[in-house]
Amino acid sequence: KIVLQTVSQDSLDASKDLQKEFAIIEKKKEELANYLCEDQKKMSLEDIFGTMKTFRELFLKALQ
């Protein structure tokens, strides 16, 4: 029973930590959307990573 309580508490702690991380990611996403003059509600993480990838590719091409 003690092991089960420990596992349950660890799971709850991990869940809380994960929720905090998601909140931080969401805040950063909103900040980046504002910086890029994009609609925060419509811009997904996939959009952000796609934009970053495109920027990186164009930047590297410009360097060449």
N, C-alpha and C. Protein backbone atom coordinates (compact mmCIF):
# COMPACT_ATOMS: atom_id res chain seq x y z
N LYS A 1 0.83 -1.20 0.00
CA LYS A 1 0.00 0.00 0.00
C LYS A 1 0.87 1.25 0.00
N ILE A 2 1.96 1.21 0.73
CA ILE A 2 2.85 2.37 0.78
C ILE A 2 3.45 2.65 -0.59
N VAL A 3 3.81 1.59 -1.30
CA VAL A 3 4.37 1.74 -2.65
C VAL A 3 3.35 2.40 -3.56
N LEU A 4 2.10 1.98 -3.48
CA LEU A 4 1.04 2.55 -4.31
C LEU A 4 0.84 4.03 -3.99
N GLN A 5 0.89 4.39 -2.72
CA GLN A 5 0.75 5.80 -2.34
C GLN A 5 1.91 6.62 -2.87
N THR A 6 3.11 6.07 -2.81
CA THR A 6 4.29 6.77 -3.32
C THR A 6 4.18 6.96 -4.83
N VAL A 7 3.79 5.92 -5.52
CA VAL A 7 3.64 6.01 -6.97
C VAL A 7 2.56 7.03 -7.32
N SER A 8 1.45 7.00 -6.60
CA SER A 8 0.37 7.95 -6.84
C SER A 8 0.83 9.38 -6.61
N GLN A 9 1.56 9.61 -5.53
CA GLN A 9 2.05 10.96 -5.23
C GLN A 9 3.05 11.41 -6.29
N ASP A 10 3.94 10.50 -6.71
CA ASP A 10 4.90 10.83 -7.76
C ASP A 10 4.17 11.19 -9.06
N SER A 11 3.11 10.45 -9.37
CA SER A 11 2.33 10.73 -10.57
C SER A 11 1.67 12.10 -10.49
N LEU A 12 1.12 12.42 -9.32
CA LEU A 12 0.50 13.74 -9.14
C LEU A 12 1.53 14.85 -9.26
N ASP A 13 2.70 14.64 -8.66
CA ASP A 13 3.76 15.65 -8.74
C ASP A 13 4.21 15.84 -10.18
N ALA A 14 4.37 14.73 -10.90
CA ALA A 14 4.79 14.81 -12.31
C ALA A 14 3.74 15.52 -13.14
N SER A 15 2.48 15.26 -12.85
CA SER A 15 1.39 15.91 -13.58
C SER A 15 1.39 17.42 -13.33
N LYS A 16 1.61 17.82 -12.10
CA LYS A 16 1.66 19.25 -11.76
C LYS A 16 2.85 19.91 -12.45
N ASP A 17 3.99 19.22 -12.44
CA ASP A 17 5.17 19.76 -13.12
C ASP A 17 4.93 19.92 -14.61
N LEU A 18 4.27 18.93 -15.20
CA LEU A 18 3.96 18.98 -16.62
C LEU A 18 3.00 20.12 -16.94
N GLN A 19 2.02 20.33 -16.10
CA GLN A 19 1.08 21.44 -16.28
C GLN A 19 1.81 22.78 -16.23
N LYS A 20 2.77 22.90 -15.32
CA LYS A 20 3.56 24.14 -15.23
C LYS A 20 4.37 24.35 -16.50
N GLU A 21 4.98 23.27 -17.00
CA GLU A 21 5.76 23.37 -18.24
C GLU A 21 4.88 23.78 -19.42
N PHE A 22 3.69 23.18 -19.52
CA PHE A 22 2.77 23.55 -20.60
C PHE A 22 2.35 25.02 -20.49
N ALA A 23 2.16 25.51 -19.28
CA ALA A 23 1.80 26.91 -19.07
C ALA A 23 2.94 27.82 -19.53
N ILE A 24 4.17 27.44 -19.24
CA ILE A 24 5.33 28.22 -19.67
C ILE A 24 5.42 28.22 -21.20
N ILE A 25 5.23 27.05 -21.81
CA ILE A 25 5.28 26.94 -23.27
C ILE A 25 4.19 27.80 -23.90
N GLU A 26 2.99 27.76 -23.33
CA GLU A 26 1.88 28.56 -23.86
C GLU A 26 2.19 30.05 -23.77
N LYS A 27 2.78 30.48 -22.66
CA LYS A 27 3.15 31.90 -22.49
C LYS A 27 4.19 32.31 -23.53
N LYS A 28 5.19 31.46 -23.71
CA LYS A 28 6.23 31.76 -24.71
C LYS A 28 5.64 31.80 -26.12
N LYS A 29 4.69 30.90 -26.39
CA LYS A 29 4.03 30.88 -27.70
C LYS A 29 3.29 32.18 -27.93
N GLU A 30 2.60 32.66 -26.91
CA GLU A 30 1.87 33.93 -27.03
C GLU A 30 2.84 35.09 -27.25
N GLU A 31 3.96 35.10 -26.52
CA GLU A 31 4.95 36.16 -26.70
C GLU A 31 5.51 36.15 -28.11
N LEU A 32 5.82 34.96 -28.62
CA LEU A 32 6.35 34.86 -29.97
C LEU A 32 5.32 35.27 -31.01
N ALA A 33 4.07 34.87 -30.81
CA ALA A 33 3.00 35.27 -31.73
C ALA A 33 2.88 36.79 -31.76
N ASN A 34 2.94 37.41 -30.61
CA ASN A 34 2.89 38.88 -30.57
C ASN A 34 4.08 39.49 -31.29
N TYR A 35 5.26 38.94 -31.06
CA TYR A 35 6.47 39.45 -31.71
C TYR A 35 6.38 39.33 -33.23
N LEU A 36 5.79 38.23 -33.69
CA LEU A 36 5.66 38.00 -35.13
C LEU A 36 4.39 38.63 -35.72
N CYS A 37 3.64 39.37 -34.88
CA CYS A 37 2.39 40.02 -35.29
C CYS A 37 1.39 38.99 -35.83
N GLU A 38 1.31 37.86 -35.15
CA GLU A 38 0.37 36.80 -35.52
C GLU A 38 -0.74 36.73 -34.48
N ASP A 39 -1.87 36.16 -34.86
CA ASP A 39 -2.97 35.97 -33.94
C ASP A 39 -2.63 34.83 -32.99
N GLN A 40 -2.58 35.13 -31.70
CA GLN A 40 -2.20 34.14 -30.69
C GLN A 40 -3.12 32.93 -30.70
N LYS A 41 -4.39 33.16 -30.93
CA LYS A 41 -5.36 32.08 -30.84
C LYS A 41 -5.31 31.15 -32.06
N LYS A 42 -4.82 31.67 -33.18
CA LYS A 42 -4.78 30.86 -34.40
C LYS A 42 -3.42 30.21 -34.64
N MET A 43 -2.39 30.73 -34.00
CA MET A 43 -1.04 30.23 -34.24
C MET A 43 -0.76 29.02 -33.35
N SER A 44 -0.47 27.90 -33.97
CA SER A 44 -0.18 26.68 -33.23
C SER A 44 1.33 26.52 -33.06
N LEU A 45 1.72 25.58 -32.22
CA LEU A 45 3.14 25.30 -32.06
C LEU A 45 3.74 24.82 -33.37
N GLU A 46 2.97 24.07 -34.13
CA GLU A 46 3.46 23.60 -35.43
C GLU A 46 3.74 24.78 -36.36
N ASP A 47 2.86 25.80 -36.31
CA ASP A 47 3.08 27.00 -37.11
C ASP A 47 4.38 27.70 -36.70
N ILE A 48 4.58 27.81 -35.40
CA ILE A 48 5.78 28.48 -34.87
C ILE A 48 7.03 27.74 -35.31
N PHE A 49 7.04 26.41 -35.13
CA PHE A 49 8.21 25.65 -35.53
C PHE A 49 8.43 25.70 -37.03
N GLY A 50 7.35 25.72 -37.80
CA GLY A 50 7.47 25.85 -39.24
C GLY A 50 8.07 27.19 -39.64
N THR A 51 7.62 28.25 -38.98
CA THR A 51 8.16 29.59 -39.24
C THR A 51 9.64 29.65 -38.88
N MET A 52 10.00 29.06 -37.75
CA MET A 52 11.41 29.05 -37.33
C MET A 52 12.26 28.26 -38.31
N LYS A 53 11.73 27.14 -38.79
CA LYS A 53 12.47 26.32 -39.74
C LYS A 53 12.68 27.08 -41.06
N THR A 54 11.63 27.73 -41.54
CA THR A 54 11.74 28.50 -42.77
C THR A 54 12.74 29.64 -42.62
N PHE A 55 12.67 30.34 -41.48
CA PHE A 55 13.61 31.43 -41.23
C PHE A 55 15.05 30.91 -41.24
N ARG A 56 15.26 29.78 -40.55
CA ARG A 56 16.60 29.22 -40.48
C ARG A 56 17.11 28.85 -41.86
N GLU A 57 16.26 28.22 -42.66
CA GLU A 57 16.67 27.81 -44.01
C GLU A 57 17.01 29.01 -44.87
N LEU A 58 16.17 30.06 -44.80
CA LEU A 58 16.44 31.27 -45.58
C LEU A 58 17.68 31.99 -45.09
N PHE A 59 17.89 32.00 -43.77
CA PHE A 59 19.06 32.64 -43.19
C PHE A 59 20.33 31.94 -43.65
N LEU A 60 20.32 30.60 -43.59
CA LEU A 60 21.50 29.84 -44.03
C LEU A 60 21.75 30.02 -45.52
N LYS A 61 20.68 30.10 -46.29
CA LYS A 61 20.83 30.32 -47.73
C LYS A 61 21.44 31.70 -48.00
N ALA A 62 21.00 32.70 -47.22
CA ALA A 62 21.54 34.05 -47.39
C ALA A 62 23.01 34.11 -47.02
N LEU A 63 23.43 33.32 -46.05
CA LEU A 63 24.83 33.30 -45.66
C LEU A 63 25.73 32.74 -46.76
N GLN A 64 25.16 31.81 -47.53
CA GLN A 64 25.94 31.19 -48.61
C GLN A 64 26.10 32.16 -49.75
